[in-house]
ModelCIF file with pLDDT and N, C-alpha, C, O atoms, coordinates in Angstrom:
data_MODEL
#
_entry.id   MODEL 
#
_entity.id                         1 
_entity.type                       polymer 
_entity.pdbx_number_of_molecules   1 
#
_entity_poly.entity_id                      1 
_entity_poly.type                           'polypeptide(L)' 
_entity_poly.nstd_linkage                   no 
_entity_poly.nstd_monomer                   no 
_entity_poly.pdbx_seq_one_letter_code       RGEFENLTFADYYNYISMNDILEHFYSPFNVIERIPYL 
_entity_poly.pdbx_seq_one_letter_code_can   RGEFENLTFADYYNYISMNDILEHFYSPFNVIERIPYL 
_entity_poly.pdbx_strand_id                 A 
#
loop_
_entity_poly_seq.entity_id 
_entity_poly_seq.num 
_entity_poly_seq.mon_id 
_entity_poly_seq.hetero 
1 1  ARG n 
1 2  GLY n 
1 3  GLU n 
1 4  PHE n 
1 5  GLU n 
1 6  ASN n 
1 7  LEU n 
1 8  THR n 
1 9  PHE n 
1 10 ALA n 
1 11 ASP n 
1 12 TYR n 
1 13 TYR n 
1 14 ASN n 
1 15 TYR n 
1 16 ILE n 
1 17 SER n 
1 18 MET n 
1 19 ASN n 
1 20 ASP n 
1 21 ILE n 
1 22 LEU n 
1 23 GLU n 
1 24 HIS n 
1 25 PHE n 
1 26 TYR n 
1 27 SER n 
1 28 PRO n 
1 29 PHE n 
1 30 ASN n 
1 31 VAL n 
1 32 ILE n 
1 33 GLU n 
1 34 ARG n 
1 35 ILE n 
1 36 PRO n 
1 37 TYR n 
1 38 LEU n 
#
_struct_asym.id          A 
_struct_asym.entity_id   1 
#
loop_
_ma_qa_metric.id 
_ma_qa_metric.mode 
_ma_qa_metric.name 
_ma_qa_metric.software_group_id 
_ma_qa_metric.type 
1 global pLDDT . pLDDT 
2 local  pLDDT . pLDDT 
#
_ma_qa_metric_global.metric_id      1 
_ma_qa_metric_global.metric_value   95.34 
_ma_qa_metric_global.model_id       1 
_ma_qa_metric_global.ordinal_id     1 
#
loop_
_ma_qa_metric_local.label_asym_id 
_ma_qa_metric_local.label_comp_id 
_ma_qa_metric_local.label_seq_id 
_ma_qa_metric_local.metric_id 
_ma_qa_metric_local.metric_value 
_ma_qa_metric_local.model_id 
_ma_qa_metric_local.ordinal_id 
A ARG 1  2 96.00 1 1  
A GLY 2  2 96.00 1 2  
A GLU 3  2 95.00 1 3  
A PHE 4  2 97.00 1 4  
A GLU 5  2 94.00 1 5  
A ASN 6  2 94.00 1 6  
A LEU 7  2 97.00 1 7  
A THR 8  2 95.00 1 8  
A PHE 9  2 95.00 1 9  
A ALA 10 2 91.00 1 10 
A ASP 11 2 93.00 1 11 
A TYR 12 2 97.00 1 12 
A TYR 13 2 98.00 1 13 
A ASN 14 2 98.00 1 14 
A TYR 15 2 98.00 1 15 
A ILE 16 2 98.00 1 16 
A SER 17 2 98.00 1 17 
A MET 18 2 98.00 1 18 
A ASN 19 2 96.00 1 19 
A ASP 20 2 92.00 1 20 
A ILE 21 2 93.00 1 21 
A LEU 22 2 95.00 1 22 
A GLU 23 2 91.00 1 23 
A HIS 24 2 87.00 1 24 
A PHE 25 2 91.00 1 25 
A TYR 26 2 89.00 1 26 
A SER 27 2 93.00 1 27 
A PRO 28 2 96.00 1 28 
A PHE 29 2 96.00 1 29 
A ASN 30 2 96.00 1 30 
A VAL 31 2 97.00 1 31 
A ILE 32 2 98.00 1 32 
A GLU 33 2 97.00 1 33 
A ARG 34 2 97.00 1 34 
A ILE 35 2 98.00 1 35 
A PRO 36 2 98.00 1 36 
A TYR 37 2 97.00 1 37 
A LEU 38 2 98.00 1 38 
#
loop_
_atom_site.group_PDB 
_atom_site.id 
_atom_site.type_symbol 
_atom_site.label_atom_id 
_atom_site.label_alt_id 
_atom_site.label_comp_id 
_atom_site.label_asym_id 
_atom_site.label_entity_id 
_atom_site.label_seq_id 
_atom_site.pdbx_PDB_ins_code 
_atom_site.Cartn_x 
_atom_site.Cartn_y 
_atom_site.Cartn_z 
_atom_site.occupancy 
_atom_site.B_iso_or_equiv 
_atom_site.pdbx_formal_charge 
_atom_site.auth_seq_id 
_atom_site.auth_comp_id 
_atom_site.auth_asym_id 
_atom_site.auth_atom_id 
_atom_site.pdbx_PDB_model_num 
ATOM 1   N N  . ARG A 1 1  ? 86.249 53.024 124.454 1.00 96.00 ? 1  ARG A N  1 
ATOM 2   C CA . ARG A 1 1  ? 87.580 52.493 124.693 1.00 96.00 ? 1  ARG A CA 1 
ATOM 3   C C  . ARG A 1 1  ? 87.630 52.041 126.150 1.00 96.00 ? 1  ARG A C  1 
ATOM 4   O O  . ARG A 1 1  ? 87.479 52.862 127.055 1.00 96.00 ? 1  ARG A O  1 
ATOM 5   N N  . GLY A 1 2  ? 87.840 50.749 126.388 1.00 96.00 ? 2  GLY A N  1 
ATOM 6   C CA . GLY A 1 2  ? 87.895 50.261 127.755 1.00 96.00 ? 2  GLY A CA 1 
ATOM 7   C C  . GLY A 1 2  ? 87.882 48.751 127.812 1.00 96.00 ? 2  GLY A C  1 
ATOM 8   O O  . GLY A 1 2  ? 87.784 48.079 126.785 1.00 96.00 ? 2  GLY A O  1 
ATOM 9   N N  . GLU A 1 3  ? 87.980 48.222 129.018 1.00 95.00 ? 3  GLU A N  1 
ATOM 10  C CA . GLU A 1 3  ? 87.943 46.788 129.249 1.00 95.00 ? 3  GLU A CA 1 
ATOM 11  C C  . GLU A 1 3  ? 86.522 46.388 129.649 1.00 95.00 ? 3  GLU A C  1 
ATOM 12  O O  . GLU A 1 3  ? 85.950 46.949 130.583 1.00 95.00 ? 3  GLU A O  1 
ATOM 13  N N  . PHE A 1 4  ? 85.974 45.434 128.948 1.00 97.00 ? 4  PHE A N  1 
ATOM 14  C CA . PHE A 1 4  ? 84.595 45.014 129.172 1.00 97.00 ? 4  PHE A CA 1 
ATOM 15  C C  . PHE A 1 4  ? 84.332 44.692 130.645 1.00 97.00 ? 4  PHE A C  1 
ATOM 16  O O  . PHE A 1 4  ? 83.280 45.044 131.178 1.00 97.00 ? 4  PHE A O  1 
ATOM 17  N N  . GLU A 1 5  ? 85.270 44.033 131.294 1.00 94.00 ? 5  GLU A N  1 
ATOM 18  C CA . GLU A 1 5  ? 85.079 43.615 132.677 1.00 94.00 ? 5  GLU A CA 1 
ATOM 19  C C  . GLU A 1 5  ? 84.901 44.791 133.624 1.00 94.00 ? 5  GLU A C  1 
ATOM 20  O O  . GLU A 1 5  ? 84.299 44.642 134.688 1.00 94.00 ? 5  GLU A O  1 
ATOM 21  N N  . ASN A 1 6  ? 85.419 45.967 133.250 1.00 94.00 ? 6  ASN A N  1 
ATOM 22  C CA . ASN A 1 6  ? 85.416 47.112 134.159 1.00 94.00 ? 6  ASN A CA 1 
ATOM 23  C C  . ASN A 1 6  ? 84.411 48.191 133.780 1.00 94.00 ? 6  ASN A C  1 
ATOM 24  O O  . ASN A 1 6  ? 84.329 49.220 134.451 1.00 94.00 ? 6  ASN A O  1 
ATOM 25  N N  . LEU A 1 7  ? 83.654 47.975 132.727 1.00 97.00 ? 7  LEU A N  1 
ATOM 26  C CA . LEU A 1 7  ? 82.695 48.978 132.274 1.00 97.00 ? 7  LEU A CA 1 
ATOM 27  C C  . LEU A 1 7  ? 81.329 48.771 132.919 1.00 97.00 ? 7  LEU A C  1 
ATOM 28  O O  . LEU A 1 7  ? 80.943 47.649 133.247 1.00 97.00 ? 7  LEU A O  1 
ATOM 29  N N  . THR A 1 8  ? 80.610 49.872 133.094 1.00 95.00 ? 8  THR A N  1 
ATOM 30  C CA . THR A 1 8  ? 79.235 49.842 133.595 1.00 95.00 ? 8  THR A CA 1 
ATOM 31  C C  . THR A 1 8  ? 78.297 50.206 132.449 1.00 95.00 ? 8  THR A C  1 
ATOM 32  O O  . THR A 1 8  ? 78.556 51.157 131.711 1.00 95.00 ? 8  THR A O  1 
ATOM 33  N N  . PHE A 1 9  ? 77.214 49.455 132.298 1.00 95.00 ? 9  PHE A N  1 
ATOM 34  C CA . PHE A 1 9  ? 76.286 49.664 131.186 1.00 95.00 ? 9  PHE A CA 1 
ATOM 35  C C  . PHE A 1 9  ? 74.909 50.059 131.709 1.00 95.00 ? 9  PHE A C  1 
ATOM 36  O O  . PHE A 1 9  ? 74.394 49.466 132.657 1.00 95.00 ? 9  PHE A O  1 
ATOM 37  N N  . ALA A 1 10 ? 74.327 51.068 131.077 1.00 91.00 ? 10 ALA A N  1 
ATOM 38  C CA . ALA A 1 10 ? 72.987 51.518 131.462 1.00 91.00 ? 10 ALA A CA 1 
ATOM 39  C C  . ALA A 1 10 ? 71.912 50.864 130.607 1.00 91.00 ? 10 ALA A C  1 
ATOM 40  O O  . ALA A 1 10 ? 70.734 50.898 130.961 1.00 91.00 ? 10 ALA A O  1 
ATOM 41  N N  . ASP A 1 11 ? 72.306 50.267 129.482 1.00 93.00 ? 11 ASP A N  1 
ATOM 42  C CA . ASP A 1 11 ? 71.344 49.703 128.535 1.00 93.00 ? 11 ASP A CA 1 
ATOM 43  C C  . ASP A 1 11 ? 71.324 48.187 128.604 1.00 93.00 ? 11 ASP A C  1 
ATOM 44  O O  . ASP A 1 11 ? 72.231 47.547 129.138 1.00 93.00 ? 11 ASP A O  1 
ATOM 45  N N  . TYR A 1 12 ? 70.235 47.628 128.033 1.00 97.00 ? 12 TYR A N  1 
ATOM 46  C CA . TYR A 1 12 ? 70.144 46.193 127.764 1.00 97.00 ? 12 TYR A CA 1 
ATOM 47  C C  . TYR A 1 12 ? 70.201 46.007 126.247 1.00 97.00 ? 12 TYR A C  1 
ATOM 48  O O  . TYR A 1 12 ? 69.818 46.900 125.491 1.00 97.00 ? 12 TYR A O  1 
ATOM 49  N N  . TYR A 1 13 ? 70.675 44.853 125.813 1.00 98.00 ? 13 TYR A N  1 
ATOM 50  C CA . TYR A 1 13 ? 70.947 44.645 124.398 1.00 98.00 ? 13 TYR A CA 1 
ATOM 51  C C  . TYR A 1 13 ? 70.179 43.437 123.864 1.00 98.00 ? 13 TYR A C  1 
ATOM 52  O O  . TYR A 1 13 ? 69.975 42.447 124.566 1.00 98.00 ? 13 TYR A O  1 
ATOM 53  N N  . ASN A 1 14 ? 69.762 43.545 122.604 1.00 98.00 ? 14 ASN A N  1 
ATOM 54  C CA . ASN A 1 14 ? 69.147 42.403 121.933 1.00 98.00 ? 14 ASN A CA 1 
ATOM 55  C C  . ASN A 1 14 ? 70.188 41.350 121.581 1.00 98.00 ? 14 ASN A C  1 
ATOM 56  O O  . ASN A 1 14 ? 69.904 40.152 121.577 1.00 98.00 ? 14 ASN A O  1 
ATOM 57  N N  . TYR A 1 15 ? 71.397 41.817 121.287 1.00 98.00 ? 15 TYR A N  1 
ATOM 58  C CA . TYR A 1 15 ? 72.496 40.914 120.925 1.00 98.00 ? 15 TYR A CA 1 
ATOM 59  C C  . TYR A 1 15 ? 73.789 41.408 121.555 1.00 98.00 ? 15 TYR A C  1 
ATOM 60  O O  . TYR A 1 15 ? 74.032 42.611 121.654 1.00 98.00 ? 15 TYR A O  1 
ATOM 61  N N  . ILE A 1 16 ? 74.607 40.461 121.975 1.00 98.00 ? 16 ILE A N  1 
ATOM 62  C CA . ILE A 1 16 ? 75.987 40.748 122.366 1.00 98.00 ? 16 ILE A CA 1 
ATOM 63  C C  . ILE A 1 16 ? 76.877 39.794 121.580 1.00 98.00 ? 16 ILE A C  1 
ATOM 64  O O  . ILE A 1 16 ? 76.640 38.586 121.565 1.00 98.00 ? 16 ILE A O  1 
ATOM 65  N N  . SER A 1 17 ? 77.894 40.333 120.931 1.00 98.00 ? 17 SER A N  1 
ATOM 66  C CA . SER A 1 17 ? 78.792 39.514 120.114 1.00 98.00 ? 17 SER A CA 1 
ATOM 67  C C  . SER A 1 17 ? 80.217 39.613 120.635 1.00 98.00 ? 17 SER A C  1 
ATOM 68  O O  . SER A 1 17 ? 80.651 40.654 121.128 1.00 98.00 ? 17 SER A O  1 
ATOM 69  N N  . MET A 1 18 ? 80.933 38.500 120.512 1.00 98.00 ? 18 MET A N  1 
ATOM 70  C CA . MET A 1 18 ? 82.358 38.446 120.831 1.00 98.00 ? 18 MET A CA 1 
ATOM 71  C C  . MET A 1 18 ? 83.031 37.602 119.764 1.00 98.00 ? 18 MET A C  1 
ATOM 72  O O  . MET A 1 18 ? 82.986 36.373 119.820 1.00 98.00 ? 18 MET A O  1 
ATOM 73  N N  . ASN A 1 19 ? 83.641 38.242 118.815 1.00 96.00 ? 19 ASN A N  1 
ATOM 74  C CA . ASN A 1 19 ? 84.299 37.545 117.708 1.00 96.00 ? 19 ASN A CA 1 
ATOM 75  C C  . ASN A 1 19 ? 85.807 37.562 117.891 1.00 96.00 ? 19 ASN A C  1 
ATOM 76  O O  . ASN A 1 19 ? 86.439 38.618 117.849 1.00 96.00 ? 19 ASN A O  1 
ATOM 77  N N  . ASP A 1 20 ? 86.376 36.379 118.096 1.00 92.00 ? 20 ASP A N  1 
ATOM 78  C CA . ASP A 1 20 ? 87.824 36.249 118.257 1.00 92.00 ? 20 ASP A CA 1 
ATOM 79  C C  . ASP A 1 20 ? 88.343 37.109 119.402 1.00 92.00 ? 20 ASP A C  1 
ATOM 80  O O  . ASP A 1 20 ? 89.373 37.773 119.277 1.00 92.00 ? 20 ASP A O  1 
ATOM 81  N N  . ILE A 1 21 ? 87.624 37.091 120.513 1.00 93.00 ? 21 ILE A N  1 
ATOM 82  C CA . ILE A 1 21 ? 88.059 37.885 121.663 1.00 93.00 ? 21 ILE A CA 1 
ATOM 83  C C  . ILE A 1 21 ? 88.046 37.086 122.958 1.00 93.00 ? 21 ILE A C  1 
ATOM 84  O O  . ILE A 1 21 ? 88.833 37.376 123.859 1.00 93.00 ? 21 ILE A O  1 
ATOM 85  N N  . LEU A 1 22 ? 87.173 36.086 123.075 1.00 95.00 ? 22 LEU A N  1 
ATOM 86  C CA . LEU A 1 22 ? 87.024 35.356 124.332 1.00 95.00 ? 22 LEU A CA 1 
ATOM 87  C C  . LEU A 1 22 ? 88.330 34.699 124.760 1.00 95.00 ? 22 LEU A C  1 
ATOM 88  O O  . LEU A 1 22 ? 88.602 34.578 125.955 1.00 95.00 ? 22 LEU A O  1 
ATOM 89  N N  . GLU A 1 23 ? 89.136 34.277 123.796 1.00 91.00 ? 23 GLU A N  1 
ATOM 90  C CA . GLU A 1 23 ? 90.403 33.605 124.094 1.00 91.00 ? 23 GLU A CA 1 
ATOM 91  C C  . GLU A 1 23 ? 91.458 34.548 124.674 1.00 91.00 ? 23 GLU A C  1 
ATOM 92  O O  . GLU A 1 23 ? 92.496 34.097 125.159 1.00 91.00 ? 23 GLU A O  1 
ATOM 93  N N  . HIS A 1 24 ? 91.192 35.857 124.625 1.00 87.00 ? 24 HIS A N  1 
ATOM 94  C CA . HIS A 1 24 ? 92.144 36.836 125.130 1.00 87.00 ? 24 HIS A CA 1 
ATOM 95  C C  . HIS A 1 24 ? 91.875 37.253 126.575 1.00 87.00 ? 24 HIS A C  1 
ATOM 96  O O  . HIS A 1 24 ? 92.726 37.890 127.194 1.00 87.00 ? 24 HIS A O  1 
ATOM 97  N N  . PHE A 1 25 ? 90.723 36.910 127.118 1.00 91.00 ? 25 PHE A N  1 
ATOM 98  C CA . PHE A 1 25 ? 90.370 37.355 128.455 1.00 91.00 ? 25 PHE A CA 1 
ATOM 99  C C  . PHE A 1 25 ? 91.083 36.529 129.526 1.00 91.00 ? 25 PHE A C  1 
ATOM 100 O O  . PHE A 1 25 ? 91.354 35.342 129.345 1.00 91.00 ? 25 PHE A O  1 
ATOM 101 N N  . TYR A 1 26 ? 91.372 37.184 130.632 1.00 89.00 ? 26 TYR A N  1 
ATOM 102 C CA . TYR A 1 26 ? 91.980 36.505 131.775 1.00 89.00 ? 26 TYR A CA 1 
ATOM 103 C C  . TYR A 1 26 ? 91.068 35.396 132.284 1.00 89.00 ? 26 TYR A C  1 
ATOM 104 O O  . TYR A 1 26 ? 91.533 34.291 132.564 1.00 89.00 ? 26 TYR A O  1 
ATOM 105 N N  . SER A 1 27 ? 89.762 35.683 132.409 1.00 93.00 ? 27 SER A N  1 
ATOM 106 C CA . SER A 1 27 ? 88.809 34.683 132.881 1.00 93.00 ? 27 SER A CA 1 
ATOM 107 C C  . SER A 1 27 ? 87.567 34.688 131.993 1.00 93.00 ? 27 SER A C  1 
ATOM 108 O O  . SER A 1 27 ? 86.652 35.473 132.241 1.00 93.00 ? 27 SER A O  1 
ATOM 109 N N  . PRO A 1 28 ? 87.503 33.837 130.964 1.00 96.00 ? 28 PRO A N  1 
ATOM 110 C CA . PRO A 1 28 ? 86.289 33.762 130.135 1.00 96.00 ? 28 PRO A CA 1 
ATOM 111 C C  . PRO A 1 28 ? 85.030 33.485 130.950 1.00 96.00 ? 28 PRO A C  1 
ATOM 112 O O  . PRO A 1 28 ? 83.956 33.986 130.616 1.00 96.00 ? 28 PRO A O  1 
ATOM 113 N N  . PHE A 1 29 ? 85.149 32.693 132.014 1.00 96.00 ? 29 PHE A N  1 
ATOM 114 C CA . PHE A 1 29 ? 83.991 32.395 132.857 1.00 96.00 ? 29 PHE A CA 1 
ATOM 115 C C  . PHE A 1 29 ? 83.413 33.676 133.449 1.00 96.00 ? 29 PHE A C  1 
ATOM 116 O O  . PHE A 1 29 ? 82.202 33.891 133.390 1.00 96.00 ? 29 PHE A O  1 
ATOM 117 N N  . ASN A 1 30 ? 84.252 34.518 134.012 1.00 96.00 ? 30 ASN A N  1 
ATOM 118 C CA . ASN A 1 30 ? 83.779 35.761 134.625 1.00 96.00 ? 30 ASN A CA 1 
ATOM 119 C C  . ASN A 1 30 ? 83.210 36.720 133.593 1.00 96.00 ? 30 ASN A C  1 
ATOM 120 O O  . ASN A 1 30 ? 82.272 37.463 133.880 1.00 96.00 ? 30 ASN A O  1 
ATOM 121 N N  . VAL A 1 31 ? 83.775 36.705 132.396 1.00 97.00 ? 31 VAL A N  1 
ATOM 122 C CA . VAL A 1 31 ? 83.274 37.570 131.326 1.00 97.00 ? 31 VAL A CA 1 
ATOM 123 C C  . VAL A 1 31 ? 81.875 37.136 130.903 1.00 97.00 ? 31 VAL A C  1 
ATOM 124 O O  . VAL A 1 31 ? 80.962 37.958 130.822 1.00 97.00 ? 31 VAL A O  1 
ATOM 125 N N  . ILE A 1 32 ? 81.710 35.845 130.633 1.00 98.00 ? 32 ILE A N  1 
ATOM 126 C CA . ILE A 1 32 ? 80.409 35.360 130.168 1.00 98.00 ? 32 ILE A CA 1 
ATOM 127 C C  . ILE A 1 32 ? 79.355 35.476 131.268 1.00 98.00 ? 32 ILE A C  1 
ATOM 128 O O  . ILE A 1 32 ? 78.167 35.625 130.981 1.00 98.00 ? 32 ILE A O  1 
ATOM 129 N N  . GLU A 1 33 ? 79.782 35.408 132.500 1.00 97.00 ? 33 GLU A N  1 
ATOM 130 C CA . GLU A 1 33 ? 78.844 35.541 133.623 1.00 97.00 ? 33 GLU A CA 1 
ATOM 131 C C  . GLU A 1 33 ? 78.084 36.859 133.583 1.00 97.00 ? 33 GLU A C  1 
ATOM 132 O O  . GLU A 1 33 ? 76.960 36.940 134.078 1.00 97.00 ? 33 GLU A O  1 
ATOM 133 N N  . ARG A 1 34 ? 78.688 37.897 132.998 1.00 97.00 ? 34 ARG A N  1 
ATOM 134 C CA . ARG A 1 34 ? 78.037 39.213 132.916 1.00 97.00 ? 34 ARG A CA 1 
ATOM 135 C C  . ARG A 1 34 ? 76.968 39.280 131.833 1.00 97.00 ? 34 ARG A C  1 
ATOM 136 O O  . ARG A 1 34 ? 76.035 40.077 131.921 1.00 97.00 ? 34 ARG A O  1 
ATOM 137 N N  . ILE A 1 35 ? 77.110 38.435 130.808 1.00 98.00 ? 35 ILE A N  1 
ATOM 138 C CA . ILE A 1 35 ? 76.289 38.586 129.609 1.00 98.00 ? 35 ILE A CA 1 
ATOM 139 C C  . ILE A 1 35 ? 74.794 38.509 129.877 1.00 98.00 ? 35 ILE A C  1 
ATOM 140 O O  . ILE A 1 35 ? 74.072 39.390 129.409 1.00 98.00 ? 35 ILE A O  1 
ATOM 141 N N  . PRO A 1 36 ? 74.274 37.511 130.603 1.00 98.00 ? 36 PRO A N  1 
ATOM 142 C CA . PRO A 1 36 ? 72.821 37.437 130.805 1.00 98.00 ? 36 PRO A CA 1 
ATOM 143 C C  . PRO A 1 36 ? 72.219 38.687 131.449 1.00 98.00 ? 36 PRO A C  1 
ATOM 144 O O  . PRO A 1 36 ? 71.061 39.019 131.198 1.00 98.00 ? 36 PRO A O  1 
ATOM 145 N N  . TYR A 1 37 ? 72.998 39.374 132.274 1.00 97.00 ? 37 TYR A N  1 
ATOM 146 C CA . TYR A 1 37 ? 72.494 40.571 132.946 1.00 97.00 ? 37 TYR A CA 1 
ATOM 147 C C  . TYR A 1 37 ? 72.430 41.780 132.020 1.00 97.00 ? 37 TYR A C  1 
ATOM 148 O O  . TYR A 1 37 ? 71.806 42.788 132.352 1.00 97.00 ? 37 TYR A O  1 
ATOM 149 N N  . LEU A 1 38 ? 73.076 41.681 130.855 1.00 98.00 ? 38 LEU A N  1 
ATOM 150 C CA . LEU A 1 38 ? 73.075 42.787 129.894 1.00 98.00 ? 38 LEU A CA 1 
ATOM 151 C C  . LEU A 1 38 ? 72.136 42.547 128.717 1.00 98.00 ? 38 LEU A C  1 
ATOM 152 O O  . LEU A 1 38 ? 72.031 43.393 127.829 1.00 98.00 ? 38 LEU A O  1 
#
C-alpha cells in the first residue's frame, strides 16, 4: 500500500505493468522516468 513515486525498491523486475493508472499520476513523465532503473 503506497504511492509508486515515493516507494523504494530493492528488486529488479522482468516486467512492470500500469493498466489504467498512468492518467491518474501528477506527472506521468516523472513516473515513467523511474521504470528503466527498476
